[in-house]
Amino acid sequence: MSVPLLKSSLFLEDYLAVITNLAEVNFEVADRFCDAVEDALNLLARQPETGRLAGFPLAPDVRRWGVSGFRNYVLFYRVGIDGILIVRLLHGARELPPLLHGA
């Protein structure tokens, strides 16, 4: 049974930015990235506790899950009563805590 997925506006902005940047270089890679993100979201909808806690002191309930085939990209999400809130989709090399402290 799947849990509803809620996507934050920041996640949608992140997703669009990554797809746009990848598509400028290689459309096929951008397409594979979209498939990998959708696969990850489907997995999280079925198994919300799959990701491990990200370890952010100011957002202790935020979990992380890598995008398969694109190891540098990480989905950050929260499991709640109404479903899963996908908070961000970020490159792992970014300075993450400041980006997520208000998540």
C-alpha atoms as a PDB file:
ATOM      1  CA  MET A   1       0.000   0.000   0.000  1.00  0.00           C
ATOM      2  CA  SER A   2       1.330   3.421  -0.927  1.00  0.00           C
ATOM      3  CA  VAL A   3       1.393   6.512   1.230  1.00  0.00           C
ATOM      4  CA  PRO A   4       0.491   9.859  -0.393  1.00  0.00           C
ATOM      5  CA  LEU A   5       3.448  11.904  -1.619  1.00  0.00           C
ATOM      6  CA  LEU A   6       3.385  15.638  -1.106  1.00  0.00           C
ATOM      7  CA  LYS A   7       5.999  17.656  -2.987  1.00  0.00           C
ATOM      8  CA  SER A   8       7.239  20.961  -1.597  1.00  0.00           C
ATOM      9  CA  SER A   9       7.730  23.906  -3.927  1.00  0.00           C
ATOM     10  CA  LEU A  10      11.457  23.787  -3.104  1.00  0.00           C
ATOM     11  CA  PHE A  11      11.617  20.149  -4.217  1.00  0.00           C
ATOM     12  CA  LEU A  12       9.866  21.028  -7.479  1.00  0.00           C
ATOM     13  CA  GLU A  13      12.304  23.914  -8.065  1.00  0.00           C
ATOM     14  CA  ASP A  14      15.279  21.648  -7.312  1.00  0.00           C
ATOM     15  CA  TYR A  15      13.953  18.933  -9.624  1.00  0.00           C
ATOM     16  CA  LEU A  16      13.338  21.345 -12.494  1.00  0.00           C
ATOM     17  CA  ALA A  17      16.791  22.919 -12.107  1.00  0.00           C
ATOM     18  CA  VAL A  18      18.571  19.561 -12.194  1.00  0.00           C
ATOM     19  CA  ILE A  19      16.578  18.321 -15.188  1.00  0.00           C
ATOM     20  CA  THR A  20      17.179  21.585 -17.061  1.00  0.00           C
ATOM     21  CA  ASN A  21      20.926  21.485 -16.389  1.00  0.00           C
ATOM     22  CA  LEU A  22      21.226  17.831 -17.378  1.00  0.00           C
ATOM     23  CA  ALA A  23      19.123  18.294 -20.521  1.00  0.00           C
ATOM     24  CA  GLU A  24      21.385  21.113 -21.711  1.00  0.00           C
ATOM     25  CA  VAL A  25      24.273  18.640 -21.729  1.00  0.00           C
ATOM     26  CA  ASN A  26      22.551  15.346 -22.552  1.00  0.00           C
ATOM     27  CA  PHE A  27      18.815  14.852 -22.951  1.00  0.00           C
ATOM     28  CA  GLU A  28      19.042  11.071 -22.486  1.00  0.00           C
ATOM     29  CA  VAL A  29      20.777  11.481 -19.121  1.00  0.00           C
ATOM     30  CA  ALA A  30      18.085  13.945 -18.050  1.00  0.00           C
ATOM     31  CA  ASP A  31      15.431  11.402 -19.041  1.00  0.00           C
ATOM     32  CA  ARG A  32      17.172   8.620 -17.061  1.00  0.00           C
ATOM     33  CA  PHE A  33      17.430  10.981 -14.086  1.00  0.00           C
ATOM     34  CA  CYS A  34      13.663  11.603 -14.194  1.00  0.00           C
ATOM     35  CA  ASP A  35      13.024   7.863 -14.254  1.00  0.00           C
ATOM     36  CA  ALA A  36      15.395   7.328 -11.316  1.00  0.00           C
ATOM     37  CA  VAL A  37      13.730  10.068  -9.245  1.00  0.00           C
ATOM     38  CA  GLU A  38      10.262   8.680  -9.985  1.00  0.00           C
ATOM     39  CA  ASP A  39      11.447   5.182  -9.021  1.00  0.00           C
ATOM     40  CA  ALA A  40      12.816   6.541  -5.746  1.00  0.00           C
ATOM     41  CA  LEU A  41       9.574   8.394  -5.002  1.00  0.00           C
ATOM     42  CA  ASN A  42       7.531   5.262  -5.704  1.00  0.00           C
ATOM     43  CA  LEU A  43       9.739   3.254  -3.358  1.00  0.00           C
ATOM     44  CA  LEU A  44       9.388   5.854  -0.592  1.00  0.00           C
ATOM     45  CA  ALA A  45       5.604   5.873  -1.056  1.00  0.00           C
ATOM     46  CA  ARG A  46       5.579   2.106  -0.450  1.00  0.00           C
ATOM     47  CA  GLN A  47       8.251   2.039   2.274  1.00  0.00           C
ATOM     48  CA  PRO A  48       8.424   5.460   3.972  1.00  0.00           C
ATOM     49  CA  GLU A  49      10.947   4.411   6.607  1.00  0.00           C
ATOM     50  CA  THR A  50      13.462   3.223   3.982  1.00  0.00           C
ATOM     51  CA  GLY A  51      15.655   6.299   4.179  1.00  0.00           C
ATOM     52  CA  ARG A  52      17.806   6.944   7.186  1.00  0.00           C
ATOM     53  CA  LEU A  53      17.576  10.029   9.354  1.00  0.00           C
ATOM     54  CA  ALA A  54      19.685  12.782   7.839  1.00  0.00           C
ATOM     55  CA  GLY A  55      21.070  13.951  11.198  1.00  0.00           C
ATOM     56  CA  PHE A  56      20.156  17.628  11.027  1.00  0.00           C
ATOM     57  CA  PRO A  57      19.872  19.022  14.575  1.00  0.00           C
ATOM     58  CA  LEU A  58      17.292  21.630  13.556  1.00  0.00           C
ATOM     59  CA  ALA A  59      15.298  19.156  11.457  1.00  0.00           C
ATOM     60  CA  PRO A  60      15.707  15.843  13.295  1.00  0.00           C
ATOM     61  CA  ASP A  61      12.849  14.075  11.499  1.00  0.00           C
ATOM     62  CA  VAL A  62      14.170  14.679   7.975  1.00  0.00           C
ATOM     63  CA  ARG A  63      15.242  11.493   6.205  1.00  0.00           C
ATOM     64  CA  ARG A  64      17.494  11.045   3.183  1.00  0.00           C
ATOM     65  CA  TRP A  65      17.436   8.674   0.231  1.00  0.00           C
ATOM     66  CA  GLY A  66      19.869   8.617  -2.701  1.00  0.00           C
ATOM     67  CA  VAL A  67      18.744   8.582  -6.296  1.00  0.00           C
ATOM     68  CA  SER A  68      19.819   5.248  -7.814  1.00  0.00           C
ATOM     69  CA  GLY A  69      22.282   5.672 -10.665  1.00  0.00           C
ATOM     70  CA  PHE A  70      22.884   9.305  -9.692  1.00  0.00           C
ATOM     71  CA  ARG A  71      24.723   8.809  -6.405  1.00  0.00           C
ATOM     72  CA  ASN A  72      25.418  12.498  -5.870  1.00  0.00           C
ATOM     73  CA  TYR A  73      21.720  13.397  -5.716  1.00  0.00           C
ATOM     74  CA  VAL A  74      19.763  12.987  -2.511  1.00  0.00           C
ATOM     75  CA  LEU A  75      16.050  13.249  -1.748  1.00  0.00           C
ATOM     76  CA  PHE A  76      15.198  14.719   1.650  1.00  0.00           C
ATOM     77  CA  TYR A  77      11.788  13.983   3.083  1.00  0.00           C
ATOM     78  CA  ARG A  78       9.596  13.826   6.170  1.00  0.00           C
ATOM     79  CA  VAL A  79       7.149  11.093   7.084  1.00  0.00           C
ATOM     80  CA  GLY A  80       3.928  12.533   8.504  1.00  0.00           C
ATOM     81  CA  ILE A  81       0.389  11.539   9.327  1.00  0.00           C
ATOM     82  CA  ASP A  82      -0.946  12.777   5.973  1.00  0.00           C
ATOM     83  CA  GLY A  83       1.828  11.206   3.890  1.00  0.00           C
ATOM     84  CA  ILE A  84       5.386  11.875   2.911  1.00  0.00           C
ATOM     85  CA  LEU A  85       6.561  15.427   2.287  1.00  0.00           C
ATOM     86  CA  ILE A  86       9.400  15.520  -0.229  1.00  0.00           C
ATOM     87  CA  VAL A  87      11.359  18.511   1.010  1.00  0.00           C
ATOM     88  CA  ARG A  88      14.364  18.866  -1.328  1.00  0.00           C
ATOM     89  CA  LEU A  89      16.356  17.179  -4.087  1.00  0.00           C
ATOM     90  CA  LEU A  90      19.959  18.264  -3.754  1.00  0.00           C
ATOM     91  CA  HIS A  91      23.439  17.445  -4.913  1.00  0.00           C
ATOM     92  CA  GLY A  92      25.304  15.911  -1.982  1.00  0.00           C
ATOM     93  CA  ALA A  93      28.243  18.308  -2.362  1.00  0.00           C
ATOM     94  CA  ARG A  94      26.113  21.295  -1.337  1.00  0.00           C
ATOM     95  CA  GLU A  95      26.226  22.647   2.182  1.00  0.00           C
ATOM     96  CA  LEU A  96      23.121  20.829   3.344  1.00  0.00           C
ATOM     97  CA  PRO A  97      22.224  21.867   6.918  1.00  0.00           C
ATOM     98  CA  PRO A  98      21.630  25.566   6.110  1.00  0.00           C
ATOM     99  CA  LEU A  99      19.439  24.527   3.186  1.00  0.00           C
ATOM    100  CA  LEU A 100      17.342  22.227   5.344  1.00  0.00           C
ATOM    101  CA  HIS A 101      17.295  23.762   8.808  1.00  0.00           C
ATOM    102  CA  GLY A 102      13.888  25.283   8.213  1.00  0.00           C
ATOM    103  CA  ALA A 103      12.522  22.253   6.416  1.00  0.00           C
END
